[in-house]
Amino acid sequence: MLNVERPYPPLLRRPAYPASPRAREALESHINELMKLGVLRNFGHNEEVEVTTPVIITWNNDKSRMVGYFRALNTYTIPDRFPIHRIHETLNQLSKAKFITYIDSLKGFHQNFSTPHARKLLRIIAHCGIYEYLRMPFGIENAPSHYQRMMNTIFPHELSDRWLIIYIYDIIICSETWKFYLERLSLVLRKIIQVNMKISLEKFNFGFHELKALGH
């Protein structure tokens, strides 16, 4: 998932960034929410810390978003070359389908557990303390490859039979007939339930003849 050669460069031990009172309040809110969801844990005072990444708040109108400044960590991370599906190949598969279902994996990377080794590198720092990611955060160099590997493990036969397409968060079911469509949709949903995957109901589109996906 995440590997950096030792000894860890000093640049990977970063202090918390200054934050305005408004940004501090937003940071605390995001951190508390992620802790409730089991994505973060409070880092113990007696535990050894070698890597810390500062987090900041970005704003879109009045909506805040917590962002980890992982540039230094990504610079020293050994790349994971696991292949991501190419968009043009995916579009070729879609062009042959008569019935299409689009499922969006909710907060996709957060559904992927971090390994104990990776957690040591995924410690963030803010004005209110140090926290450790128990699940993969956004903005990490190898997050897409690791997530794709996880999804390929869950749906190996469906992908090899070329009626299921997975591109990062996008899960697309392709069918030539309504009968196959219902069978395949049922199979995919059963597996999603089995592995306790969360999906976005707002972005669940099923049974379409045409559908905008992957930006096309």
C-alpha atoms as a PDB file:
ATOM      1  CA  MET A   1       0.000   0.000   0.000  1.00  0.00           C
ATOM      2  CA  LEU A   2       2.535   2.558   1.164  1.00  0.00           C
ATOM      3  CA  ASN A   3       6.269   2.122   1.413  1.00  0.00           C
ATOM      4  CA  VAL A   4       9.050   4.621   2.084  1.00  0.00           C
ATOM      5  CA  GLU A   5      12.690   3.603   2.414  1.00  0.00           C
ATOM      6  CA  ARG A   6      14.284   4.126   5.807  1.00  0.00           C
ATOM      7  CA  PRO A   7      15.665   6.227   7.333  1.00  0.00           C
ATOM      8  CA  TYR A   8      12.690   8.515   6.877  1.00  0.00           C
ATOM      9  CA  PRO A   9      13.740  11.948   5.560  1.00  0.00           C
ATOM     10  CA  PRO A  10      13.366  14.836   8.047  1.00  0.00           C
ATOM     11  CA  LEU A  11      10.940  16.494   5.606  1.00  0.00           C
ATOM     12  CA  LEU A  12       8.351  13.861   6.531  1.00  0.00           C
ATOM     13  CA  ARG A  13       8.131  15.172  10.102  1.00  0.00           C
ATOM     14  CA  ARG A  14       6.155  18.365   9.600  1.00  0.00           C
ATOM     15  CA  PRO A  15       4.609  20.715  12.171  1.00  0.00           C
ATOM     16  CA  ALA A  16       0.978  21.793  12.204  1.00  0.00           C
ATOM     17  CA  TYR A  17       0.171  24.751   9.986  1.00  0.00           C
ATOM     18  CA  PRO A  18      -1.202  27.956  11.523  1.00  0.00           C
ATOM     19  CA  ALA A  19      -4.981  28.177  11.229  1.00  0.00           C
ATOM     20  CA  SER A  20      -7.568  30.877  11.782  1.00  0.00           C
ATOM     21  CA  PRO A  21     -10.227  30.378  14.475  1.00  0.00           C
ATOM     22  CA  ARG A  22     -12.739  29.514  11.740  1.00  0.00           C
ATOM     23  CA  ALA A  23     -10.385  26.946  10.201  1.00  0.00           C
ATOM     24  CA  ARG A  24      -9.595  25.464  13.627  1.00  0.00           C
ATOM     25  CA  GLU A  25     -13.262  24.942  14.323  1.00  0.00           C
ATOM     26  CA  ALA A  26     -13.725  23.278  10.923  1.00  0.00           C
ATOM     27  CA  LEU A  27     -10.675  21.040  11.448  1.00  0.00           C
ATOM     28  CA  GLU A  28     -11.964  19.863  14.807  1.00  0.00           C
ATOM     29  CA  SER A  29     -15.364  19.115  13.288  1.00  0.00           C
ATOM     30  CA  HIS A  30     -13.893  17.060  10.417  1.00  0.00           C
ATOM     31  CA  ILE A  31     -11.509  15.182  12.698  1.00  0.00           C
ATOM     32  CA  ASN A  32     -14.246  14.321  15.197  1.00  0.00           C
ATOM     33  CA  GLU A  33     -16.488  13.075  12.386  1.00  0.00           C
ATOM     34  CA  LEU A  34     -13.728  10.876  10.926  1.00  0.00           C
ATOM     35  CA  MET A  35     -13.009   9.456  14.376  1.00  0.00           C
ATOM     36  CA  LYS A  36     -16.684   8.555  14.826  1.00  0.00           C
ATOM     37  CA  LEU A  37     -16.599   6.783  11.446  1.00  0.00           C
ATOM     38  CA  GLY A  38     -13.497   4.799  12.389  1.00  0.00           C
ATOM     39  CA  VAL A  39     -11.353   6.486   9.742  1.00  0.00           C
ATOM     40  CA  LEU A  40      -9.034   8.235  12.226  1.00  0.00           C
ATOM     41  CA  ARG A  41      -7.804   7.475  15.714  1.00  0.00           C
ATOM     42  CA  ASN A  42      -6.300   9.794  18.308  1.00  0.00           C
ATOM     43  CA  PHE A  43      -2.571   9.154  18.497  1.00  0.00           C
ATOM     44  CA  GLY A  44      -1.287   8.265  21.970  1.00  0.00           C
ATOM     45  CA  HIS A  45       1.171  10.581  23.708  1.00  0.00           C
ATOM     46  CA  ASN A  46       3.530   7.712  24.534  1.00  0.00           C
ATOM     47  CA  GLU A  47       3.709   6.367  20.981  1.00  0.00           C
ATOM     48  CA  GLU A  48       6.707   7.042  18.758  1.00  0.00           C
ATOM     49  CA  VAL A  49       6.131   9.515  15.936  1.00  0.00           C
ATOM     50  CA  GLU A  50       8.402   9.594  12.873  1.00  0.00           C
ATOM     51  CA  VAL A  51       6.105  10.994  10.188  1.00  0.00           C
ATOM     52  CA  THR A  52       3.486  13.752  10.474  1.00  0.00           C
ATOM     53  CA  THR A  53       1.613  15.467   7.664  1.00  0.00           C
ATOM     54  CA  PRO A  54      -0.124  18.807   8.290  1.00  0.00           C
ATOM     55  CA  VAL A  55      -3.766  19.220   7.345  1.00  0.00           C
ATOM     56  CA  ILE A  56      -5.476  22.362   6.135  1.00  0.00           C
ATOM     57  CA  ILE A  57      -9.021  23.515   5.460  1.00  0.00           C
ATOM     58  CA  THR A  58     -10.156  24.558   1.998  1.00  0.00           C
ATOM     59  CA  TRP A  59     -13.407  26.387   1.412  1.00  0.00           C
ATOM     60  CA  ASN A  60     -15.994  26.265  -1.355  1.00  0.00           C
ATOM     61  CA  ASN A  61     -18.377  29.051  -0.443  1.00  0.00           C
ATOM     62  CA  ASP A  62     -19.338  28.094   3.137  1.00  0.00           C
ATOM     63  CA  LYS A  63     -18.549  24.392   2.766  1.00  0.00           C
ATOM     64  CA  SER A  64     -15.257  23.235   4.288  1.00  0.00           C
ATOM     65  CA  ARG A  65     -13.016  20.323   3.328  1.00  0.00           C
ATOM     66  CA  MET A  66     -10.051  18.912   5.238  1.00  0.00           C
ATOM     67  CA  VAL A  67      -7.028  18.249   3.043  1.00  0.00           C
ATOM     68  CA  GLY A  68      -3.805  16.483   3.973  1.00  0.00           C
ATOM     69  CA  TYR A  69      -0.682  18.117   2.563  1.00  0.00           C
ATOM     70  CA  PHE A  70       0.847  14.810   1.450  1.00  0.00           C
ATOM     71  CA  ARG A  71       3.241  16.212  -1.157  1.00  0.00           C
ATOM     72  CA  ALA A  72       6.383  15.369   0.833  1.00  0.00           C
ATOM     73  CA  LEU A  73       5.175  11.845   1.645  1.00  0.00           C
ATOM     74  CA  ASN A  74       4.216  11.225  -1.984  1.00  0.00           C
ATOM     75  CA  THR A  75       7.665  12.383  -3.132  1.00  0.00           C
ATOM     76  CA  TYR A  76       9.384   9.640  -1.120  1.00  0.00           C
ATOM     77  CA  THR A  77       6.767   6.917  -1.607  1.00  0.00           C
ATOM     78  CA  ILE A  78       7.801   3.930  -3.729  1.00  0.00           C
ATOM     79  CA  PRO A  79       5.183   3.833  -6.539  1.00  0.00           C
ATOM     80  CA  ASP A  80       2.723   0.954  -6.773  1.00  0.00           C
ATOM     81  CA  ARG A  81       2.449   0.040 -10.467  1.00  0.00           C
ATOM     82  CA  PHE A  82      -0.792  -1.930 -10.209  1.00  0.00           C
ATOM     83  CA  PRO A  83      -2.692  -1.098 -13.427  1.00  0.00           C
ATOM     84  CA  ILE A  84      -5.682   1.223 -13.501  1.00  0.00           C
ATOM     85  CA  HIS A  85      -8.214   0.581 -16.263  1.00  0.00           C
ATOM     86  CA  ARG A  86      -7.792   2.772 -19.322  1.00  0.00           C
ATOM     87  CA  ILE A  87     -10.740   4.994 -20.115  1.00  0.00           C
ATOM     88  CA  HIS A  88     -10.797   4.261 -23.860  1.00  0.00           C
ATOM     89  CA  GLU A  89     -10.991   0.502 -23.202  1.00  0.00           C
ATOM     90  CA  THR A  90     -13.803   1.104 -20.736  1.00  0.00           C
ATOM     91  CA  LEU A  91     -15.728   3.192 -23.253  1.00  0.00           C
ATOM     92  CA  ASN A  92     -15.413   0.388 -25.818  1.00  0.00           C
ATOM     93  CA  GLN A  93     -17.073  -1.997 -23.361  1.00  0.00           C
ATOM     94  CA  LEU A  94     -19.846   0.495 -22.658  1.00  0.00           C
ATOM     95  CA  SER A  95     -20.596   1.002 -26.357  1.00  0.00           C
ATOM     96  CA  LYS A  96     -21.801  -2.616 -26.690  1.00  0.00           C
ATOM     97  CA  ALA A  97     -24.189  -2.542 -23.720  1.00  0.00           C
ATOM     98  CA  LYS A  98     -27.956  -2.098 -24.027  1.00  0.00           C
ATOM     99  CA  PHE A  99     -28.547  -1.790 -20.268  1.00  0.00           C
ATOM    100  CA  ILE A 100     -26.137   0.088 -18.013  1.00  0.00           C
ATOM    101  CA  THR A 101     -26.003   0.539 -14.255  1.00  0.00           C
ATOM    102  CA  TYR A 102     -23.730   3.040 -12.546  1.00  0.00           C
ATOM    103  CA  ILE A 103     -22.833   2.669  -8.854  1.00  0.00           C
ATOM    104  CA  ASP A 104     -20.644   5.130  -6.973  1.00  0.00           C
ATOM    105  CA  SER A 105     -18.531   3.843  -4.093  1.00  0.00           C
ATOM    106  CA  LEU A 106     -19.135   6.301  -1.245  1.00  0.00           C
ATOM    107  CA  LYS A 107     -15.886   7.965  -0.130  1.00  0.00           C
ATOM    108  CA  GLY A 108     -14.091   5.159  -1.936  1.00  0.00           C
ATOM    109  CA  PHE A 109     -10.587   5.296  -0.453  1.00  0.00           C
ATOM    110  CA  HIS A 110     -11.953   5.440   3.107  1.00  0.00           C
ATOM    111  CA  GLN A 111     -13.429   1.965   2.574  1.00  0.00           C
ATOM    112  CA  ASN A 112      -9.929   0.546   2.233  1.00  0.00           C
ATOM    113  CA  PHE A 113      -8.199  -0.330   5.517  1.00  0.00           C
ATOM    114  CA  SER A 114      -4.628   0.887   6.005  1.00  0.00           C
ATOM    115  CA  THR A 115      -2.008  -1.715   6.871  1.00  0.00           C
ATOM    116  CA  PRO A 116      -0.230  -1.370  10.247  1.00  0.00           C
ATOM    117  CA  HIS A 117       2.933  -0.272   8.417  1.00  0.00           C
ATOM    118  CA  ALA A 118       1.068   2.310   6.334  1.00  0.00           C
ATOM    119  CA  ARG A 119      -0.564   3.772   9.433  1.00  0.00           C
ATOM    120  CA  LYS A 120       2.862   4.836  10.698  1.00  0.00           C
ATOM    121  CA  LEU A 121       3.186   6.992   7.586  1.00  0.00           C
ATOM    122  CA  LEU A 122      -0.399   8.250   7.640  1.00  0.00           C
ATOM    123  CA  ARG A 123      -0.269  10.395  10.756  1.00  0.00           C
ATOM    124  CA  ILE A 124      -1.645  13.880  10.405  1.00  0.00           C
ATOM    125  CA  ILE A 125      -1.035  16.848  12.652  1.00  0.00           C
ATOM    126  CA  ALA A 126      -3.265  19.810  13.465  1.00  0.00           C
ATOM    127  CA  HIS A 127      -3.482  22.383  16.238  1.00  0.00           C
ATOM    128  CA  CYS A 128      -5.549  19.905  18.282  1.00  0.00           C
ATOM    129  CA  GLY A 129      -3.174  16.938  18.141  1.00  0.00           C
ATOM    130  CA  ILE A 130      -1.813  14.029  16.099  1.00  0.00           C
ATOM    131  CA  TYR A 131      -4.127  11.471  14.496  1.00  0.00           C
ATOM    132  CA  GLU A 132      -3.593   8.258  12.573  1.00  0.00           C
ATOM    133  CA  TYR A 133      -5.530   7.129   9.501  1.00  0.00           C
ATOM    134  CA  LEU A 134      -6.959   3.642   9.983  1.00  0.00           C
ATOM    135  CA  ARG A 135      -8.278   3.779   6.433  1.00  0.00           C
ATOM    136  CA  MET A 136      -6.730   5.098   3.251  1.00  0.00           C
ATOM    137  CA  PRO A 137      -7.006   8.893   2.956  1.00  0.00           C
ATOM    138  CA  PHE A 138      -7.428  10.920  -0.197  1.00  0.00           C
ATOM    139  CA  GLY A 139      -4.339  12.422  -1.813  1.00  0.00           C
ATOM    140  CA  ILE A 140      -1.951   9.503  -1.289  1.00  0.00           C
ATOM    141  CA  GLU A 141       0.342   8.449  -4.155  1.00  0.00           C
ATOM    142  CA  ASN A 142      -0.665   4.775  -4.183  1.00  0.00           C
ATOM    143  CA  ALA A 143      -4.307   5.128  -3.138  1.00  0.00           C
ATOM    144  CA  PRO A 144      -5.809   4.576  -6.637  1.00  0.00           C
ATOM    145  CA  SER A 145      -3.685   1.480  -7.329  1.00  0.00           C
ATOM    146  CA  HIS A 146      -4.382  -0.041  -3.935  1.00  0.00           C
ATOM    147  CA  TYR A 147      -8.101   0.629  -4.237  1.00  0.00           C
ATOM    148  CA  GLN A 148      -8.193  -0.894  -7.732  1.00  0.00           C
ATOM    149  CA  ARG A 149      -6.416  -3.995  -6.416  1.00  0.00           C
ATOM    150  CA  MET A 150      -8.996  -4.333  -3.640  1.00  0.00           C
ATOM    151  CA  MET A 151     -11.885  -4.059  -6.091  1.00  0.00           C
ATOM    152  CA  ASN A 152     -10.266  -6.566  -8.469  1.00  0.00           C
ATOM    153  CA  THR A 153     -10.037  -8.996  -5.556  1.00  0.00           C
ATOM    154  CA  ILE A 154     -13.740  -8.586  -4.748  1.00  0.00           C
ATOM    155  CA  PHE A 155     -14.931  -8.921  -8.366  1.00  0.00           C
ATOM    156  CA  PRO A 156     -12.349 -11.101 -10.194  1.00  0.00           C
ATOM    157  CA  HIS A 157     -14.703 -13.175 -12.367  1.00  0.00           C
ATOM    158  CA  GLU A 158     -17.041 -10.311 -13.165  1.00  0.00           C
ATOM    159  CA  LEU A 159     -14.107  -8.248 -14.426  1.00  0.00           C
ATOM    160  CA  SER A 160     -12.566 -11.093 -16.424  1.00  0.00           C
ATOM    161  CA  ASP A 161     -15.950 -11.753 -18.082  1.00  0.00           C
ATOM    162  CA  ARG A 162     -15.883  -8.078 -19.146  1.00  0.00           C
ATOM    163  CA  TRP A 163     -19.410  -7.133 -18.128  1.00  0.00           C
ATOM    164  CA  LEU A 164     -18.263  -5.247 -15.030  1.00  0.00           C
ATOM    165  CA  ILE A 165     -16.158  -2.101 -15.218  1.00  0.00           C
ATOM    166  CA  ILE A 166     -14.408  -0.592 -12.216  1.00  0.00           C
ATOM    167  CA  TYR A 167     -12.573   2.689 -12.535  1.00  0.00           C
ATOM    168  CA  ILE A 168     -11.579   4.071  -9.143  1.00  0.00           C
ATOM    169  CA  TYR A 169     -14.961   4.852  -7.475  1.00  0.00           C
ATOM    170  CA  ASP A 170     -17.079   4.010 -10.523  1.00  0.00           C
ATOM    171  CA  ILE A 171     -18.729   0.574 -10.689  1.00  0.00           C
ATOM    172  CA  ILE A 172     -20.492  -0.001 -14.017  1.00  0.00           C
ATOM    173  CA  ILE A 173     -22.565  -3.055 -14.954  1.00  0.00           C
ATOM    174  CA  CYS A 174     -23.057  -3.730 -18.674  1.00  0.00           C
ATOM    175  CA  SER A 175     -25.717  -6.070 -20.074  1.00  0.00           C
ATOM    176  CA  GLU A 176     -27.021  -7.006 -23.503  1.00  0.00           C
ATOM    177  CA  THR A 177     -30.428  -8.228 -22.278  1.00  0.00           C
ATOM    178  CA  TRP A 178     -32.780  -7.338 -19.413  1.00  0.00           C
ATOM    179  CA  LYS A 179     -32.478 -10.877 -18.028  1.00  0.00           C
ATOM    180  CA  PHE A 180     -28.682 -10.660 -17.817  1.00  0.00           C
ATOM    181  CA  TYR A 181     -28.997  -7.169 -16.384  1.00  0.00           C
ATOM    182  CA  LEU A 182     -31.117  -8.322 -13.422  1.00  0.00           C
ATOM    183  CA  GLU A 183     -28.859 -11.312 -12.742  1.00  0.00           C
ATOM    184  CA  ARG A 184     -25.691  -9.233 -12.834  1.00  0.00           C
ATOM    185  CA  LEU A 185     -27.113  -6.413 -10.747  1.00  0.00           C
ATOM    186  CA  SER A 186     -28.206  -8.912  -8.092  1.00  0.00           C
ATOM    187  CA  LEU A 187     -24.768 -10.561  -8.052  1.00  0.00           C
ATOM    188  CA  VAL A 188     -22.896  -7.279  -7.684  1.00  0.00           C
ATOM    189  CA  LEU A 189     -25.193  -5.969  -4.947  1.00  0.00           C
ATOM    190  CA  ARG A 190     -24.832  -9.211  -2.986  1.00  0.00           C
ATOM    191  CA  LYS A 191     -21.058  -8.881  -3.056  1.00  0.00           C
ATOM    192  CA  ILE A 192     -21.267  -5.226  -2.056  1.00  0.00           C
ATOM    193  CA  ILE A 193     -23.351  -6.239   0.967  1.00  0.00           C
ATOM    194  CA  GLN A 194     -21.020  -9.145   1.833  1.00  0.00           C
ATOM    195  CA  VAL A 195     -17.942  -6.916   2.052  1.00  0.00           C
ATOM    196  CA  ASN A 196     -19.891  -4.113   3.769  1.00  0.00           C
ATOM    197  CA  MET A 197     -19.137  -1.618   1.025  1.00  0.00           C
ATOM    198  CA  LYS A 198     -20.969   1.709   1.182  1.00  0.00           C
ATOM    199  CA  ILE A 199     -22.458   3.187  -1.983  1.00  0.00           C
ATOM    200  CA  SER A 200     -24.013   6.548  -2.805  1.00  0.00           C
ATOM    201  CA  LEU A 201     -27.753   6.237  -3.333  1.00  0.00           C
ATOM    202  CA  GLU A 202     -27.802   9.727  -4.857  1.00  0.00           C
ATOM    203  CA  LYS A 203     -25.508   8.540  -7.663  1.00  0.00           C
ATOM    204  CA  PHE A 204     -27.094   5.092  -8.132  1.00  0.00           C
ATOM    205  CA  ASN A 205     -28.340   4.974 -11.749  1.00  0.00           C
ATOM    206  CA  PHE A 206     -29.726   1.657 -12.994  1.00  0.00           C
ATOM    207  CA  GLY A 207     -31.253   0.226 -16.143  1.00  0.00           C
ATOM    208  CA  PHE A 208     -30.270   3.048 -18.495  1.00  0.00           C
ATOM    209  CA  HIS A 209     -29.662   2.644 -22.225  1.00  0.00           C
ATOM    210  CA  GLU A 210     -27.279   5.591 -22.152  1.00  0.00           C
ATOM    211  CA  LEU A 211     -25.450   7.050 -19.191  1.00  0.00           C
ATOM    212  CA  LYS A 212     -22.821   9.687 -18.616  1.00  0.00           C
ATOM    213  CA  ALA A 213     -19.877   8.057 -16.870  1.00  0.00           C
ATOM    214  CA  LEU A 214     -16.167   8.732 -16.485  1.00  0.00           C
ATOM    215  CA  GLY A 215     -16.791  12.254 -17.744  1.00  0.00           C
ATOM    216  CA  HIS A 216     -18.160  11.046 -21.122  1.00  0.00           C
END
